[in-house]
Structures are given as structure tokens and as C-alpha cells.
Amino acid sequence: MNASDFPAAPSTTSGYRGASLPVGELRPRDEPAVAGRANRQVKLTRSQELRARVLAALMRSGYASLAWVGCDVHGDQVILQGSVPSYHLKQLAQVFAQRVDGVERIQNCLEVSRRLPA
């Protein structure tokens, strides 16, 4: 597989309130790898690859608060961690994570924290 096998990706995505964010390099799904030392490719474990796909799904959601959500993976269970400003976003994070192939169970440990501006 090479880059010409995939459609061109946009260079930016629309973020929260009209902000534009650069889009990183897209990789084919069957090649889970990260850059290693001396430009070698290091294969990810199944858990690392699943975690990366869940985090990518949260970032692509279009909700700025979900880009800050963290997750851990234990087997086929994804554990969402961090805080979001509303119960609606807590539920959306779970929905976006559940849509990722390979996710069987989700433990939603997100806290709802409505901090007032200083």
C-alpha cells in the first residue's frame, strides 16, 4: 500500500468555534505503527492501536472538550478518563468510543466539571 491508494485528506479540520487544526498524517488501518528511533517503524500492540483509534475518534468528533479525554485499554475494555463540562459530552465520548472497531466494553470514568471562568 502506498499514499496513492487513499483519497487526499484535508490539511485542516474545522475545530471549536471556527478554529482550524492541522490534520496529521493518516495511516491505513492495517498498518498500526509509530515512528521509532532512527526512523524505524515500531509495531503497536493491539491495546496501543485500539487506544490510538479511540483517541483519534474523540479528536475527530468536532467537540473540543473531547480532544482532552484520555483513555486506557485493558483487553477489549476501554476506560475513558478526564473531565468534560457536561453530562451530554460525557455520553457523546462514550458513543464515539463505542463506534471504534474492536471496542467491546467501555467504562466511562469521565467527571463532569463545570468550572467557571476566572
N, C-alpha and C. Protein backbone atom coordinates (compact mmCIF):
# COMPACT_ATOMS: atom_id res chain seq x y z
N MET A 1 0.83 -1.18 0.00
CA MET A 1 0.00 0.00 0.00
C MET A 1 0.87 1.24 0.00
N ASN A 2 0.45 2.22 -0.74
CA ASN A 2 1.16 3.49 -0.71
C ASN A 2 0.17 4.63 -0.65
N ALA A 3 0.66 5.84 -0.57
CA ALA A 3 -0.19 7.01 -0.36
C ALA A 3 -1.20 7.22 -1.48
N SER A 4 -0.89 6.78 -2.70
CA SER A 4 -1.82 6.98 -3.80
C SER A 4 -3.05 6.08 -3.71
N ASP A 5 -3.04 5.08 -2.81
CA ASP A 5 -4.19 4.20 -2.62
C ASP A 5 -5.30 4.84 -1.81
N PHE A 6 -5.04 6.00 -1.23
CA PHE A 6 -6.00 6.65 -0.36
C PHE A 6 -6.37 8.01 -0.91
N PRO A 7 -7.63 8.44 -0.68
CA PRO A 7 -8.02 9.79 -1.13
C PRO A 7 -7.25 10.84 -0.34
N ALA A 8 -7.06 11.98 -0.95
CA ALA A 8 -6.34 13.07 -0.30
C ALA A 8 -7.12 13.53 0.93
N ALA A 9 -6.42 13.74 2.02
CA ALA A 9 -7.03 14.19 3.26
C ALA A 9 -6.96 15.71 3.32
N PRO A 10 -7.92 16.34 3.97
CA PRO A 10 -7.85 17.79 4.12
C PRO A 10 -6.65 18.18 4.98
N SER A 11 -6.12 19.36 4.75
CA SER A 11 -4.95 19.79 5.51
C SER A 11 -5.34 20.36 6.87
N THR A 12 -6.59 20.76 7.02
CA THR A 12 -7.07 21.24 8.32
C THR A 12 -8.47 20.74 8.55
N THR A 13 -8.87 20.75 9.80
CA THR A 13 -10.25 20.43 10.14
C THR A 13 -10.82 21.61 10.87
N SER A 14 -12.10 21.79 10.76
CA SER A 14 -12.75 22.87 11.48
C SER A 14 -12.84 22.47 12.93
N GLY A 15 -12.36 23.29 13.79
CA GLY A 15 -12.40 22.99 15.21
C GLY A 15 -13.50 23.76 15.91
N TYR A 16 -13.37 23.88 17.18
CA TYR A 16 -14.34 24.55 18.02
C TYR A 16 -14.42 26.03 17.69
N ARG A 17 -15.62 26.51 17.45
CA ARG A 17 -15.88 27.92 17.16
C ARG A 17 -15.05 28.45 16.00
N GLY A 18 -14.94 27.67 14.94
CA GLY A 18 -14.30 28.13 13.72
C GLY A 18 -12.79 28.02 13.69
N ALA A 19 -12.17 27.55 14.75
CA ALA A 19 -10.71 27.41 14.74
C ALA A 19 -10.32 26.26 13.83
N SER A 20 -9.21 26.37 13.16
CA SER A 20 -8.73 25.30 12.29
C SER A 20 -7.55 24.61 12.94
N LEU A 21 -7.54 23.30 12.84
CA LEU A 21 -6.47 22.50 13.41
C LEU A 21 -5.82 21.69 12.30
N PRO A 22 -4.48 21.56 12.30
CA PRO A 22 -3.84 20.76 11.26
C PRO A 22 -4.18 19.29 11.45
N VAL A 23 -4.28 18.59 10.35
CA VAL A 23 -4.56 17.17 10.38
C VAL A 23 -3.24 16.43 10.21
N GLY A 24 -2.99 15.46 11.07
CA GLY A 24 -1.76 14.69 10.99
C GLY A 24 -1.81 13.69 9.84
N GLU A 25 -0.72 13.02 9.65
CA GLU A 25 -0.66 12.02 8.59
C GLU A 25 -1.64 10.89 8.88
N LEU A 26 -2.40 10.50 7.89
CA LEU A 26 -3.34 9.40 8.04
C LEU A 26 -2.66 8.10 7.63
N ARG A 27 -2.88 7.04 8.42
CA ARG A 27 -2.28 5.75 8.13
C ARG A 27 -3.39 4.76 7.80
N PRO A 28 -3.10 3.83 6.90
CA PRO A 28 -4.07 2.77 6.65
C PRO A 28 -4.30 2.00 7.95
N ARG A 29 -5.48 1.50 8.12
CA ARG A 29 -5.86 0.85 9.35
C ARG A 29 -5.04 -0.40 9.64
N ASP A 30 -4.61 -1.10 8.61
CA ASP A 30 -3.90 -2.35 8.84
C ASP A 30 -2.41 -2.15 9.08
N GLU A 31 -1.96 -0.90 9.19
CA GLU A 31 -0.56 -0.64 9.45
C GLU A 31 -0.37 0.19 10.72
N PRO A 32 -0.73 -0.34 11.89
CA PRO A 32 -0.56 0.43 13.11
C PRO A 32 0.91 0.51 13.48
N ALA A 33 1.49 1.67 13.28
CA ALA A 33 2.91 1.84 13.59
C ALA A 33 3.16 3.29 13.99
N VAL A 34 4.22 3.48 14.75
CA VAL A 34 4.64 4.83 15.12
C VAL A 34 6.12 4.96 14.78
N ALA A 35 6.55 6.20 14.60
CA ALA A 35 7.97 6.41 14.28
C ALA A 35 8.82 6.03 15.49
N GLY A 36 9.84 5.28 15.26
CA GLY A 36 10.74 4.87 16.33
C GLY A 36 12.07 5.57 16.18
N ARG A 37 13.06 5.14 16.93
CA ARG A 37 14.40 5.71 16.84
C ARG A 37 14.97 5.44 15.46
N ALA A 38 15.74 6.38 14.97
CA ALA A 38 16.42 6.27 13.68
C ALA A 38 15.42 6.00 12.55
N ASN A 39 14.23 6.60 12.65
CA ASN A 39 13.19 6.49 11.63
C ASN A 39 12.73 5.07 11.36
N ARG A 40 12.90 4.17 12.31
CA ARG A 40 12.36 2.82 12.17
C ARG A 40 10.90 2.83 12.56
N GLN A 41 10.13 1.94 11.98
CA GLN A 41 8.73 1.80 12.34
C GLN A 41 8.60 0.75 13.43
N VAL A 42 7.87 1.06 14.48
CA VAL A 42 7.67 0.15 15.59
C VAL A 42 6.20 -0.27 15.57
N LYS A 43 5.97 -1.55 15.57
CA LYS A 43 4.60 -2.06 15.57
C LYS A 43 3.98 -1.84 16.95
N LEU A 44 2.72 -1.42 16.94
CA LEU A 44 1.99 -1.22 18.18
C LEU A 44 1.34 -2.53 18.61
N THR A 45 1.13 -2.67 19.92
CA THR A 45 0.37 -3.81 20.40
C THR A 45 -1.10 -3.56 20.08
N ARG A 46 -1.91 -4.58 20.20
CA ARG A 46 -3.34 -4.43 19.93
C ARG A 46 -3.96 -3.37 20.83
N SER A 47 -3.58 -3.36 22.11
CA SER A 47 -4.12 -2.38 23.06
C SER A 47 -3.69 -0.96 22.69
N GLN A 48 -2.43 -0.79 22.29
CA GLN A 48 -1.95 0.54 21.91
C GLN A 48 -2.65 1.03 20.65
N GLU A 49 -2.86 0.12 19.70
CA GLU A 49 -3.53 0.50 18.46
C GLU A 49 -4.99 0.87 18.73
N LEU A 50 -5.68 0.10 19.59
CA LEU A 50 -7.07 0.40 19.93
C LEU A 50 -7.16 1.74 20.65
N ARG A 51 -6.24 1.99 21.56
CA ARG A 51 -6.21 3.27 22.28
C ARG A 51 -6.02 4.43 21.30
N ALA A 52 -5.10 4.28 20.37
CA ALA A 52 -4.84 5.33 19.38
C ALA A 52 -6.08 5.60 18.53
N ARG A 53 -6.80 4.53 18.15
CA ARG A 53 -8.01 4.71 17.32
C ARG A 53 -9.13 5.38 18.11
N VAL A 54 -9.26 5.04 19.39
CA VAL A 54 -10.29 5.69 20.22
C VAL A 54 -9.97 7.17 20.40
N LEU A 55 -8.71 7.49 20.72
CA LEU A 55 -8.33 8.89 20.87
C LEU A 55 -8.52 9.67 19.58
N ALA A 56 -8.21 9.05 18.45
CA ALA A 56 -8.41 9.71 17.15
C ALA A 56 -9.89 9.97 16.91
N ALA A 57 -10.74 9.02 17.26
CA ALA A 57 -12.19 9.20 17.08
C ALA A 57 -12.70 10.36 17.94
N LEU A 58 -12.19 10.48 19.16
CA LEU A 58 -12.61 11.57 20.04
C LEU A 58 -12.14 12.92 19.49
N MET A 59 -10.93 12.94 18.94
CA MET A 59 -10.42 14.19 18.37
C MET A 59 -11.19 14.60 17.11
N ARG A 60 -11.62 13.62 16.33
CA ARG A 60 -12.36 13.91 15.10
C ARG A 60 -13.82 14.24 15.36
N SER A 61 -14.27 14.12 16.59
CA SER A 61 -15.69 14.28 16.91
C SER A 61 -16.23 15.68 16.62
N GLY A 62 -15.37 16.68 16.62
CA GLY A 62 -15.83 18.05 16.41
C GLY A 62 -16.13 18.77 17.72
N TYR A 63 -16.00 18.08 18.84
CA TYR A 63 -16.22 18.69 20.15
C TYR A 63 -14.85 18.90 20.80
N ALA A 64 -14.49 20.16 21.01
CA ALA A 64 -13.16 20.49 21.53
C ALA A 64 -12.89 19.82 22.88
N SER A 65 -13.87 19.73 23.73
CA SER A 65 -13.67 19.13 25.06
C SER A 65 -13.29 17.66 24.97
N LEU A 66 -13.75 16.97 23.94
CA LEU A 66 -13.46 15.53 23.82
C LEU A 66 -12.03 15.27 23.37
N ALA A 67 -11.37 16.28 22.81
CA ALA A 67 -9.98 16.12 22.40
C ALA A 67 -9.07 15.98 23.62
N TRP A 68 -9.54 16.36 24.79
CA TRP A 68 -8.75 16.29 26.02
C TRP A 68 -9.06 15.05 26.85
N VAL A 69 -9.96 14.21 26.38
CA VAL A 69 -10.32 13.00 27.10
C VAL A 69 -9.20 11.98 26.92
N GLY A 70 -8.85 11.30 28.00
CA GLY A 70 -7.84 10.25 27.94
C GLY A 70 -8.49 8.89 28.00
N CYS A 71 -7.73 7.88 27.65
CA CYS A 71 -8.28 6.53 27.77
C CYS A 71 -7.17 5.52 28.00
N ASP A 72 -7.53 4.43 28.65
CA ASP A 72 -6.68 3.27 28.84
C ASP A 72 -7.41 2.09 28.23
N VAL A 73 -6.67 1.09 27.83
CA VAL A 73 -7.27 -0.11 27.27
C VAL A 73 -6.74 -1.31 28.03
N HIS A 74 -7.66 -2.15 28.47
CA HIS A 74 -7.32 -3.40 29.14
C HIS A 74 -8.10 -4.50 28.42
N GLY A 75 -7.40 -5.23 27.58
CA GLY A 75 -8.06 -6.26 26.77
C GLY A 75 -8.97 -5.59 25.75
N ASP A 76 -10.25 -5.91 25.83
CA ASP A 76 -11.22 -5.29 24.91
C ASP A 76 -12.03 -4.18 25.59
N GLN A 77 -11.62 -3.80 26.81
CA GLN A 77 -12.32 -2.76 27.55
C GLN A 77 -11.57 -1.44 27.46
N VAL A 78 -12.30 -0.39 27.12
CA VAL A 78 -11.76 0.96 27.05
C VAL A 78 -12.23 1.72 28.28
N ILE A 79 -11.31 2.38 28.96
CA ILE A 79 -11.65 3.18 30.14
C ILE A 79 -11.42 4.64 29.79
N LEU A 80 -12.50 5.42 29.75
CA LEU A 80 -12.43 6.86 29.46
C LEU A 80 -12.14 7.60 30.74
N GLN A 81 -11.17 8.56 30.69
CA GLN A 81 -10.75 9.29 31.88
C GLN A 81 -10.65 10.77 31.58
N GLY A 82 -10.77 11.58 32.62
CA GLY A 82 -10.63 13.02 32.48
C GLY A 82 -11.90 13.72 32.91
N SER A 83 -12.07 14.95 32.42
CA SER A 83 -13.29 15.69 32.77
C SER A 83 -13.82 16.41 31.53
N VAL A 84 -15.12 16.57 31.52
CA VAL A 84 -15.83 17.28 30.46
C VAL A 84 -16.81 18.24 31.12
N PRO A 85 -17.25 19.29 30.42
CA PRO A 85 -18.11 20.29 31.05
C PRO A 85 -19.58 19.93 31.17
N SER A 86 -20.03 18.81 30.58
CA SER A 86 -21.46 18.48 30.67
C SER A 86 -21.69 16.97 30.59
N TYR A 87 -22.85 16.55 31.08
CA TYR A 87 -23.21 15.13 31.00
C TYR A 87 -23.45 14.73 29.55
N HIS A 88 -23.90 15.66 28.73
CA HIS A 88 -24.09 15.40 27.31
C HIS A 88 -22.75 15.00 26.66
N LEU A 89 -21.69 15.74 26.95
CA LEU A 89 -20.38 15.42 26.38
C LEU A 89 -19.82 14.11 26.95
N LYS A 90 -20.15 13.82 28.19
CA LYS A 90 -19.72 12.55 28.78
C LYS A 90 -20.34 11.39 28.00
N GLN A 91 -21.63 11.51 27.69
CA GLN A 91 -22.31 10.47 26.92
C GLN A 91 -21.79 10.40 25.49
N LEU A 92 -21.54 11.57 24.86
CA LEU A 92 -21.02 11.58 23.50
C LEU A 92 -19.66 10.91 23.40
N ALA A 93 -18.80 11.13 24.40
CA ALA A 93 -17.49 10.50 24.40
C ALA A 93 -17.65 8.98 24.37
N GLN A 94 -18.59 8.48 25.13
CA GLN A 94 -18.84 7.04 25.17
C GLN A 94 -19.36 6.54 23.82
N VAL A 95 -20.24 7.32 23.20
CA VAL A 95 -20.79 6.94 21.89
C VAL A 95 -19.69 6.89 20.83
N PHE A 96 -18.84 7.92 20.78
CA PHE A 96 -17.77 7.94 19.79
C PHE A 96 -16.78 6.80 20.02
N ALA A 97 -16.47 6.50 21.27
CA ALA A 97 -15.55 5.40 21.56
C ALA A 97 -16.17 4.05 21.19
N GLN A 98 -17.46 3.88 21.43
CA GLN A 98 -18.14 2.61 21.14
C GLN A 98 -18.16 2.32 19.64
N ARG A 99 -18.14 3.35 18.81
CA ARG A 99 -18.17 3.17 17.36
C ARG A 99 -16.86 2.66 16.77
N VAL A 100 -15.80 2.66 17.55
CA VAL A 100 -14.49 2.21 17.07
C VAL A 100 -14.48 0.69 17.03
N ASP A 101 -14.05 0.14 15.88
CA ASP A 101 -13.95 -1.31 15.75
C ASP A 101 -13.01 -1.88 16.79
N GLY A 102 -13.42 -2.96 17.43
CA GLY A 102 -12.59 -3.62 18.42
C GLY A 102 -12.96 -3.29 19.85
N VAL A 103 -13.75 -2.24 20.05
CA VAL A 103 -14.19 -1.87 21.40
C VAL A 103 -15.39 -2.74 21.76
N GLU A 104 -15.24 -3.52 22.82
CA GLU A 104 -16.33 -4.39 23.27
C GLU A 104 -17.05 -3.81 24.49
N ARG A 105 -16.28 -3.23 25.40
CA ARG A 105 -16.86 -2.68 26.63
C ARG A 105 -16.22 -1.33 26.91
N ILE A 106 -17.01 -0.44 27.53
CA ILE A 106 -16.49 0.87 27.90
C ILE A 106 -16.81 1.12 29.36
N GLN A 107 -15.81 1.59 30.09
CA GLN A 107 -16.01 2.06 31.45
C GLN A 107 -15.83 3.57 31.39
N ASN A 108 -16.90 4.30 31.58
CA ASN A 108 -16.87 5.75 31.44
C ASN A 108 -16.59 6.38 32.80
N CYS A 109 -15.34 6.74 33.04
CA CYS A 109 -14.92 7.35 34.31
C CYS A 109 -14.77 8.86 34.17
N LEU A 110 -15.35 9.44 33.13
CA LEU A 110 -15.26 10.89 32.94
C LEU A 110 -16.02 11.60 34.05
N GLU A 111 -15.45 12.69 34.54
CA GLU A 111 -16.11 13.52 35.54
C GLU A 111 -16.69 14.74 34.85
N VAL A 112 -17.83 15.17 35.32
CA VAL A 112 -18.45 16.39 34.80
C VAL A 112 -18.04 17.51 35.74
N SER A 113 -17.33 18.49 35.18
CA SER A 113 -16.81 19.60 35.96
C SER A 113 -17.09 20.90 35.23
N ARG A 114 -17.98 21.68 35.78
CA ARG A 114 -18.31 22.96 35.17
C ARG A 114 -17.55 24.06 35.91
N ARG A 115 -16.34 24.30 35.44
CA ARG A 115 -15.52 25.35 36.06
C ARG A 115 -15.96 26.70 35.52
N LEU A 116 -16.11 27.64 36.41
CA LEU A 116 -16.49 28.99 36.00
C LEU A 116 -15.25 29.76 35.55
N PRO A 117 -15.40 30.58 34.50
CA PRO A 117 -14.25 31.38 34.05
C PRO A 117 -13.76 32.31 35.17
N ALA A 118 -12.46 32.48 35.24
CA ALA A 118 -11.87 33.34 36.29
C ALA A 118 -12.01 34.80 35.96
